[in-house]
């Protein structure tokens, strides 16, 4: 029933810098399904209750916060080593309710989980090189 809530990574793209934070967030919105069962209108509402972010480096974070984009970010990770093909995986845990013909909402027993991964990216180290070309151009 529930689909993944999506992964947004900042900065986007195929590379991220080691020792700089990678920000992630997802949608914290409910997912609603309306259907008809045996002639009765049934509404199922799945609400996300927790998010487990697996960073692709052997570490993870579980939170009830869906995160937010920069500059208000709340879910982020700082990598410490270069790597290729890193994927962040999000497992969302959902609780659900259902109602029949507009009646009261009733809890569905248990929880549902969805798991999704973002596109792979490389972790690179920024290297600066000092040259004297700037000084020479200014006549120093």
N, C-alpha and C. Protein backbone atom coordinates (compact mmCIF):
# COMPACT_ATOMS: atom_id res chain seq x y z
N UNK A 1 0.82 -1.18 0.00
CA UNK A 1 0.00 0.00 0.00
C UNK A 1 0.86 1.25 0.00
N UNK A 2 1.69 1.41 1.03
CA UNK A 2 2.52 2.61 1.10
C UNK A 2 3.71 2.47 0.17
N UNK A 3 4.02 3.57 -0.47
CA UNK A 3 5.24 3.65 -1.27
C UNK A 3 6.27 4.37 -0.44
N UNK A 4 7.52 4.31 -0.86
CA UNK A 4 8.55 5.05 -0.15
C UNK A 4 8.23 6.54 -0.16
N UNK A 5 8.76 7.25 0.80
CA UNK A 5 8.46 8.68 0.91
C UNK A 5 9.46 9.55 0.15
N UNK A 6 10.43 8.92 -0.54
CA UNK A 6 11.37 9.67 -1.38
C UNK A 6 12.59 10.13 -0.62
N UNK A 7 13.71 10.25 -1.33
CA UNK A 7 14.96 10.73 -0.73
C UNK A 7 15.43 11.94 -1.53
N UNK A 8 15.70 13.03 -0.83
CA UNK A 8 16.32 14.20 -1.44
C UNK A 8 17.67 14.37 -0.75
N UNK A 9 18.73 14.49 -1.55
CA UNK A 9 20.09 14.64 -1.02
C UNK A 9 20.66 15.98 -1.46
N UNK A 10 21.28 16.67 -0.50
CA UNK A 10 21.97 17.92 -0.80
C UNK A 10 23.41 17.81 -0.33
N UNK A 11 24.40 18.06 -1.14
CA UNK A 11 24.25 18.51 -2.52
C UNK A 11 23.84 17.36 -3.43
N UNK A 12 23.08 17.66 -4.49
CA UNK A 12 22.71 16.62 -5.45
C UNK A 12 23.89 16.30 -6.36
N UNK A 13 23.73 15.30 -7.18
CA UNK A 13 24.77 15.00 -8.17
C UNK A 13 25.54 13.75 -7.86
N UNK A 14 26.59 13.55 -8.64
CA UNK A 14 27.34 12.29 -8.59
C UNK A 14 28.52 12.33 -7.62
N UNK A 15 28.75 13.46 -6.95
CA UNK A 15 29.87 13.57 -6.01
C UNK A 15 29.46 14.34 -4.77
N UNK A 16 30.12 13.99 -3.67
CA UNK A 16 29.99 14.74 -2.42
C UNK A 16 31.37 14.80 -1.78
N UNK A 17 31.62 15.85 -1.03
CA UNK A 17 32.93 16.04 -0.42
C UNK A 17 33.03 15.35 0.93
N UNK A 18 34.13 14.62 1.13
CA UNK A 18 34.44 14.06 2.43
C UNK A 18 34.64 15.22 3.40
N UNK A 19 34.21 15.06 4.62
CA UNK A 19 34.33 16.02 5.72
C UNK A 19 33.38 17.21 5.61
N UNK A 20 32.49 17.22 4.63
CA UNK A 20 31.41 18.21 4.56
C UNK A 20 30.09 17.47 4.72
N UNK A 21 29.12 18.09 5.35
CA UNK A 21 27.87 17.37 5.60
C UNK A 21 27.10 17.11 4.31
N UNK A 22 26.47 15.95 4.28
CA UNK A 22 25.50 15.59 3.25
C UNK A 22 24.14 15.66 3.93
N UNK A 23 23.26 16.48 3.40
CA UNK A 23 21.94 16.70 3.98
C UNK A 23 20.94 15.81 3.25
N UNK A 24 20.03 15.18 4.00
CA UNK A 24 18.96 14.40 3.39
C UNK A 24 17.63 14.76 4.04
N UNK A 25 16.58 14.59 3.27
CA UNK A 25 15.24 14.73 3.82
C UNK A 25 14.27 13.96 2.95
N UNK A 26 13.08 13.77 3.48
CA UNK A 26 12.05 13.01 2.79
C UNK A 26 10.70 13.66 3.08
N UNK A 27 9.67 13.17 2.47
CA UNK A 27 8.33 13.69 2.75
C UNK A 27 7.79 13.05 4.02
N UNK A 28 7.27 13.86 4.90
CA UNK A 28 6.65 13.33 6.11
C UNK A 28 5.14 13.22 5.97
N UNK A 29 4.64 13.33 4.75
CA UNK A 29 3.20 13.34 4.51
C UNK A 29 2.58 11.95 4.64
N UNK A 30 1.34 11.93 5.08
CA UNK A 30 0.56 10.69 5.09
C UNK A 30 0.34 10.22 3.66
N UNK A 31 0.15 8.92 3.51
CA UNK A 31 -0.26 8.36 2.22
C UNK A 31 -1.67 7.83 2.38
N UNK A 32 -2.54 8.19 1.45
CA UNK A 32 -3.96 7.85 1.54
C UNK A 32 -4.35 7.01 0.33
N UNK A 33 -5.07 5.92 0.61
CA UNK A 33 -5.60 5.08 -0.46
C UNK A 33 -7.10 4.94 -0.24
N UNK A 34 -7.88 5.29 -1.26
CA UNK A 34 -9.33 5.10 -1.24
C UNK A 34 -9.66 3.99 -2.21
N UNK A 35 -10.47 3.04 -1.75
CA UNK A 35 -10.86 1.92 -2.60
C UNK A 35 -12.26 1.46 -2.21
N UNK A 36 -12.78 0.52 -2.95
CA UNK A 36 -14.08 -0.07 -2.65
C UNK A 36 -13.88 -1.55 -2.42
N UNK A 37 -14.39 -2.03 -1.28
CA UNK A 37 -14.29 -3.45 -0.94
C UNK A 37 -15.70 -3.95 -0.63
N UNK A 38 -16.18 -4.91 -1.40
CA UNK A 38 -17.52 -5.46 -1.17
C UNK A 38 -18.61 -4.42 -1.17
N UNK A 39 -18.46 -3.39 -2.00
CA UNK A 39 -19.47 -2.35 -2.09
C UNK A 39 -19.33 -1.23 -1.07
N UNK A 40 -18.37 -1.34 -0.17
CA UNK A 40 -18.15 -0.31 0.85
C UNK A 40 -16.91 0.52 0.51
N UNK A 41 -17.01 1.82 0.72
CA UNK A 41 -15.86 2.71 0.51
C UNK A 41 -14.91 2.56 1.69
N UNK A 42 -13.66 2.25 1.38
CA UNK A 42 -12.65 2.06 2.42
C UNK A 42 -11.52 3.06 2.19
N UNK A 43 -11.15 3.73 3.25
CA UNK A 43 -10.01 4.66 3.20
C UNK A 43 -8.94 4.13 4.16
N UNK A 44 -7.71 4.01 3.64
CA UNK A 44 -6.57 3.61 4.44
C UNK A 44 -5.58 4.78 4.46
N UNK A 45 -5.14 5.16 5.65
CA UNK A 45 -4.19 6.25 5.81
C UNK A 45 -2.95 5.70 6.50
N UNK A 46 -1.80 5.80 5.82
CA UNK A 46 -0.53 5.38 6.41
C UNK A 46 0.24 6.62 6.83
N UNK A 47 0.72 6.63 8.07
CA UNK A 47 1.44 7.76 8.63
C UNK A 47 2.87 7.33 8.97
N UNK A 48 3.87 8.06 8.48
CA UNK A 48 5.25 7.69 8.83
C UNK A 48 5.52 7.96 10.31
N UNK A 49 6.15 6.99 10.97
CA UNK A 49 6.44 7.16 12.40
C UNK A 49 7.93 7.18 12.70
N UNK A 50 8.75 6.60 11.82
CA UNK A 50 10.19 6.69 12.01
C UNK A 50 10.92 6.49 10.69
N UNK A 51 12.14 6.99 10.66
CA UNK A 51 12.98 6.94 9.46
C UNK A 51 14.35 6.42 9.88
N UNK A 52 14.84 5.40 9.19
CA UNK A 52 16.20 4.92 9.42
C UNK A 52 17.01 5.19 8.17
N UNK A 53 18.00 6.06 8.32
CA UNK A 53 18.90 6.44 7.23
C UNK A 53 20.16 5.60 7.35
N UNK A 54 20.44 4.76 6.38
CA UNK A 54 21.69 4.00 6.32
C UNK A 54 22.58 4.72 5.32
N UNK A 55 23.73 5.17 5.80
CA UNK A 55 24.55 6.11 5.04
C UNK A 55 25.45 5.47 4.00
N UNK A 56 25.52 4.15 3.96
CA UNK A 56 26.35 3.48 2.96
C UNK A 56 27.79 3.31 3.39
N UNK A 57 28.10 3.73 4.62
CA UNK A 57 29.46 3.57 5.16
C UNK A 57 29.46 2.71 6.42
N UNK A 58 28.38 1.95 6.63
CA UNK A 58 28.28 1.10 7.80
C UNK A 58 27.63 1.75 9.00
N UNK A 59 27.23 3.02 8.88
CA UNK A 59 26.56 3.71 9.98
C UNK A 59 25.13 4.03 9.59
N UNK A 60 24.30 4.28 10.61
CA UNK A 60 22.90 4.63 10.33
C UNK A 60 22.38 5.55 11.43
N UNK A 61 21.24 6.15 11.15
CA UNK A 61 20.56 7.05 12.08
C UNK A 61 19.08 6.76 12.01
N UNK A 62 18.45 6.55 13.18
CA UNK A 62 17.00 6.39 13.24
C UNK A 62 16.42 7.62 13.93
N UNK A 63 15.40 8.20 13.32
CA UNK A 63 14.81 9.43 13.85
C UNK A 63 13.32 9.47 13.52
N UNK A 64 12.59 10.32 14.21
CA UNK A 64 11.19 10.56 13.88
C UNK A 64 11.04 11.81 13.01
N UNK A 65 12.16 12.43 12.70
CA UNK A 65 12.20 13.67 11.93
C UNK A 65 12.41 13.35 10.44
N UNK A 66 11.55 13.87 9.58
CA UNK A 66 11.69 13.65 8.14
C UNK A 66 12.83 14.45 7.54
N UNK A 67 13.38 15.39 8.30
CA UNK A 67 14.46 16.23 7.79
C UNK A 67 13.92 17.45 7.08
N UNK A 68 14.84 18.31 6.63
CA UNK A 68 14.49 19.55 5.94
C UNK A 68 15.68 19.97 5.08
N UNK A 69 15.42 20.77 4.04
CA UNK A 69 16.53 21.24 3.20
C UNK A 69 17.37 22.31 3.92
N UNK A 70 18.56 22.53 3.37
CA UNK A 70 19.43 23.60 3.86
C UNK A 70 18.72 24.93 3.69
N UNK A 71 18.74 25.86 4.59
CA UNK A 71 19.61 25.94 5.76
C UNK A 71 18.97 25.43 7.04
N UNK A 72 17.76 24.90 6.94
CA UNK A 72 17.04 24.42 8.13
C UNK A 72 17.21 22.92 8.33
N UNK A 73 18.25 22.35 7.77
CA UNK A 73 18.45 20.89 7.80
C UNK A 73 18.57 20.36 9.22
N UNK A 74 18.02 19.16 9.39
CA UNK A 74 18.05 18.50 10.70
C UNK A 74 18.61 17.08 10.60
N UNK A 75 18.66 16.52 9.39
CA UNK A 75 19.19 15.17 9.20
C UNK A 75 20.35 15.27 8.23
N UNK A 76 21.54 14.90 8.70
CA UNK A 76 22.74 15.03 7.86
C UNK A 76 23.80 14.05 8.35
N UNK A 77 24.82 13.87 7.52
CA UNK A 77 25.91 12.94 7.84
C UNK A 77 27.21 13.50 7.28
N UNK A 78 28.29 13.31 8.01
CA UNK A 78 29.61 13.73 7.54
C UNK A 78 30.44 12.46 7.34
N UNK A 79 30.83 12.22 6.10
CA UNK A 79 31.65 11.06 5.76
C UNK A 79 33.11 11.35 6.08
N UNK A 80 33.86 10.29 6.40
CA UNK A 80 35.26 10.48 6.78
C UNK A 80 36.26 9.88 5.80
N UNK A 81 35.78 9.14 4.81
CA UNK A 81 36.70 8.50 3.86
C UNK A 81 36.13 8.57 2.45
N UNK A 82 37.02 8.56 1.48
CA UNK A 82 36.58 8.54 0.08
C UNK A 82 35.99 7.17 -0.23
N UNK A 83 35.09 7.14 -1.20
CA UNK A 83 34.46 5.88 -1.61
C UNK A 83 33.77 6.12 -2.94
N UNK A 84 33.51 5.04 -3.64
CA UNK A 84 32.79 5.12 -4.91
C UNK A 84 31.48 4.35 -4.81
N UNK A 85 30.47 4.85 -5.49
CA UNK A 85 29.18 4.16 -5.56
C UNK A 85 28.42 4.08 -4.25
N UNK A 86 28.56 5.09 -3.42
CA UNK A 86 27.85 5.12 -2.13
C UNK A 86 26.36 5.33 -2.39
N UNK A 87 25.54 4.59 -1.65
CA UNK A 87 24.08 4.75 -1.75
C UNK A 87 23.53 4.96 -0.36
N UNK A 88 22.70 5.96 -0.22
CA UNK A 88 21.98 6.18 1.03
C UNK A 88 20.66 5.43 0.92
N UNK A 89 20.34 4.67 1.97
CA UNK A 89 19.10 3.89 1.99
C UNK A 89 18.21 4.41 3.10
N UNK A 90 16.94 4.58 2.80
CA UNK A 90 15.95 5.04 3.77
C UNK A 90 14.91 3.95 3.99
N UNK A 91 14.76 3.55 5.25
CA UNK A 91 13.68 2.64 5.63
C UNK A 91 12.70 3.44 6.48
N UNK A 92 11.48 3.54 5.99
CA UNK A 92 10.43 4.29 6.68
C UNK A 92 9.48 3.30 7.33
N UNK A 93 9.14 3.53 8.59
CA UNK A 93 8.17 2.70 9.30
C UNK A 93 6.86 3.47 9.37
N UNK A 94 5.78 2.79 9.02
CA UNK A 94 4.45 3.41 8.92
C UNK A 94 3.47 2.72 9.86
N UNK A 95 2.56 3.48 10.43
CA UNK A 95 1.37 2.95 11.10
C UNK A 95 0.18 3.35 10.23
N UNK A 96 -0.85 2.52 10.26
CA UNK A 96 -1.99 2.78 9.38
C UNK A 96 -3.31 2.72 10.14
N UNK A 97 -4.28 3.45 9.60
CA UNK A 97 -5.66 3.37 10.07
C UNK A 97 -6.54 3.14 8.85
N UNK A 98 -7.74 2.64 9.11
CA UNK A 98 -8.70 2.48 8.03
C UNK A 98 -10.08 2.91 8.52
N UNK A 99 -10.90 3.32 7.57
CA UNK A 99 -12.29 3.64 7.89
C UNK A 99 -13.16 3.09 6.77
N UNK A 100 -14.38 2.73 7.12
CA UNK A 100 -15.32 2.15 6.17
C UNK A 100 -16.54 3.06 6.06
N UNK A 101 -16.88 3.42 4.84
CA UNK A 101 -18.04 4.27 4.56
C UNK A 101 -18.06 5.55 5.40
N UNK A 102 -16.88 6.16 5.58
CA UNK A 102 -16.79 7.42 6.31
C UNK A 102 -16.89 7.28 7.82
N UNK A 103 -16.87 6.07 8.32
CA UNK A 103 -16.96 5.84 9.76
C UNK A 103 -15.67 6.20 10.48
N UNK A 104 -15.61 5.87 11.77
CA UNK A 104 -14.43 6.22 12.55
C UNK A 104 -13.18 5.47 12.08
N UNK A 105 -12.05 6.10 12.25
CA UNK A 105 -10.78 5.47 11.88
C UNK A 105 -10.42 4.41 12.91
N UNK A 106 -9.96 3.27 12.42
CA UNK A 106 -9.53 2.17 13.28
C UNK A 106 -8.09 1.83 12.95
N UNK A 107 -7.33 1.48 13.97
CA UNK A 107 -5.92 1.16 13.77
C UNK A 107 -5.75 -0.18 13.07
N UNK A 108 -4.81 -0.24 12.16
CA UNK A 108 -4.39 -1.49 11.54
C UNK A 108 -3.31 -2.07 12.45
N UNK A 109 -3.42 -3.35 12.79
CA UNK A 109 -2.43 -3.99 13.67
C UNK A 109 -1.06 -4.03 12.99
N UNK A 110 -0.01 -3.80 13.77
CA UNK A 110 1.34 -3.90 13.26
C UNK A 110 1.80 -2.65 12.53
N UNK A 111 2.95 -2.75 11.89
CA UNK A 111 3.52 -1.64 11.13
C UNK A 111 3.89 -2.13 9.75
N UNK A 112 4.11 -1.19 8.88
CA UNK A 112 4.54 -1.45 7.51
C UNK A 112 5.86 -0.73 7.32
N UNK A 113 6.79 -1.33 6.58
CA UNK A 113 8.04 -0.64 6.27
C UNK A 113 8.24 -0.57 4.77
N UNK A 114 8.83 0.52 4.34
CA UNK A 114 9.25 0.68 2.95
C UNK A 114 10.74 0.99 2.96
N UNK A 115 11.44 0.51 1.95
CA UNK A 115 12.88 0.76 1.85
C UNK A 115 13.20 1.23 0.44
N UNK A 116 14.00 2.27 0.35
CA UNK A 116 14.40 2.81 -0.95
C UNK A 116 15.82 3.36 -0.84
N UNK A 117 16.48 3.48 -1.98
CA UNK A 117 17.85 4.01 -2.03
C UNK A 117 17.93 5.13 -3.04
N UNK A 118 18.85 6.06 -2.80
CA UNK A 118 19.06 7.13 -3.77
C UNK A 118 20.05 6.67 -4.83
N UNK A 119 20.35 7.54 -5.77
CA UNK A 119 21.31 7.22 -6.82
C UNK A 119 22.71 7.17 -6.23
N UNK A 120 23.57 6.27 -6.72
CA UNK A 120 24.93 6.19 -6.17
C UNK A 120 25.73 7.46 -6.45
N UNK A 121 26.63 7.76 -5.53
CA UNK A 121 27.50 8.93 -5.68
C UNK A 121 28.87 8.58 -5.12
N UNK A 122 29.86 9.35 -5.52
CA UNK A 122 31.24 9.15 -5.07
C UNK A 122 31.58 10.18 -3.99
N UNK A 123 32.33 9.73 -3.00
CA UNK A 123 32.84 10.62 -1.97
C UNK A 123 34.27 10.97 -2.33
N UNK A 124 34.52 12.25 -2.52
CA UNK A 124 35.84 12.70 -2.97
C UNK A 124 36.43 13.68 -1.96
N UNK A 125 37.74 13.74 -1.97
CA UNK A 125 38.46 14.66 -1.10
C UNK A 125 38.90 15.86 -1.94
N UNK A 126 38.65 17.03 -1.43
CA UNK A 126 39.06 18.25 -2.11
C UNK A 126 40.54 18.49 -1.84
N UNK A 127 41.30 18.66 -2.89
CA UNK A 127 42.73 18.93 -2.74
C UNK A 127 43.03 20.29 -3.34
N UNK A 128 43.73 21.09 -2.58
CA UNK A 128 44.15 22.40 -3.09
C UNK A 128 45.64 22.35 -3.39
N UNK A 129 46.02 23.07 -4.39
CA UNK A 129 47.42 23.13 -4.79
C UNK A 129 47.86 24.58 -4.75
N UNK A 130 48.98 24.82 -4.11
CA UNK A 130 49.53 26.17 -4.05
C UNK A 130 50.52 26.35 -5.19
N UNK A 131 50.36 27.42 -5.91
CA UNK A 131 51.30 27.75 -6.99
C UNK A 131 51.70 29.20 -6.83
N UNK A 132 52.73 29.57 -7.50
CA UNK A 132 53.14 30.97 -7.43
C UNK A 132 52.71 31.75 -8.67
N UNK A 133 51.83 31.17 -9.46
CA UNK A 133 51.41 31.84 -10.69
C UNK A 133 50.68 33.15 -10.41
N UNK A 134 49.89 33.18 -9.35
CA UNK A 134 49.17 34.40 -9.01
C UNK A 134 50.12 35.52 -8.64
N UNK A 135 51.17 35.20 -7.92
CA UNK A 135 52.17 36.20 -7.55
C UNK A 135 52.90 36.72 -8.79
N UNK A 136 53.25 35.80 -9.67
CA UNK A 136 53.97 36.21 -10.89
C UNK A 136 53.11 37.09 -11.77
N UNK A 137 51.84 36.80 -11.84
CA UNK A 137 50.94 37.60 -12.67
C UNK A 137 50.83 39.03 -12.15
N UNK A 138 51.02 39.20 -10.85
CA UNK A 138 50.94 40.53 -10.25
C UNK A 138 52.32 41.19 -10.14
N UNK A 139 53.35 40.55 -10.69
CA UNK A 139 54.68 41.14 -10.69
C UNK A 139 55.41 41.03 -9.37
N UNK A 140 55.07 40.08 -8.53
CA UNK A 140 55.75 39.90 -7.23
C UNK A 140 56.78 38.81 -7.30
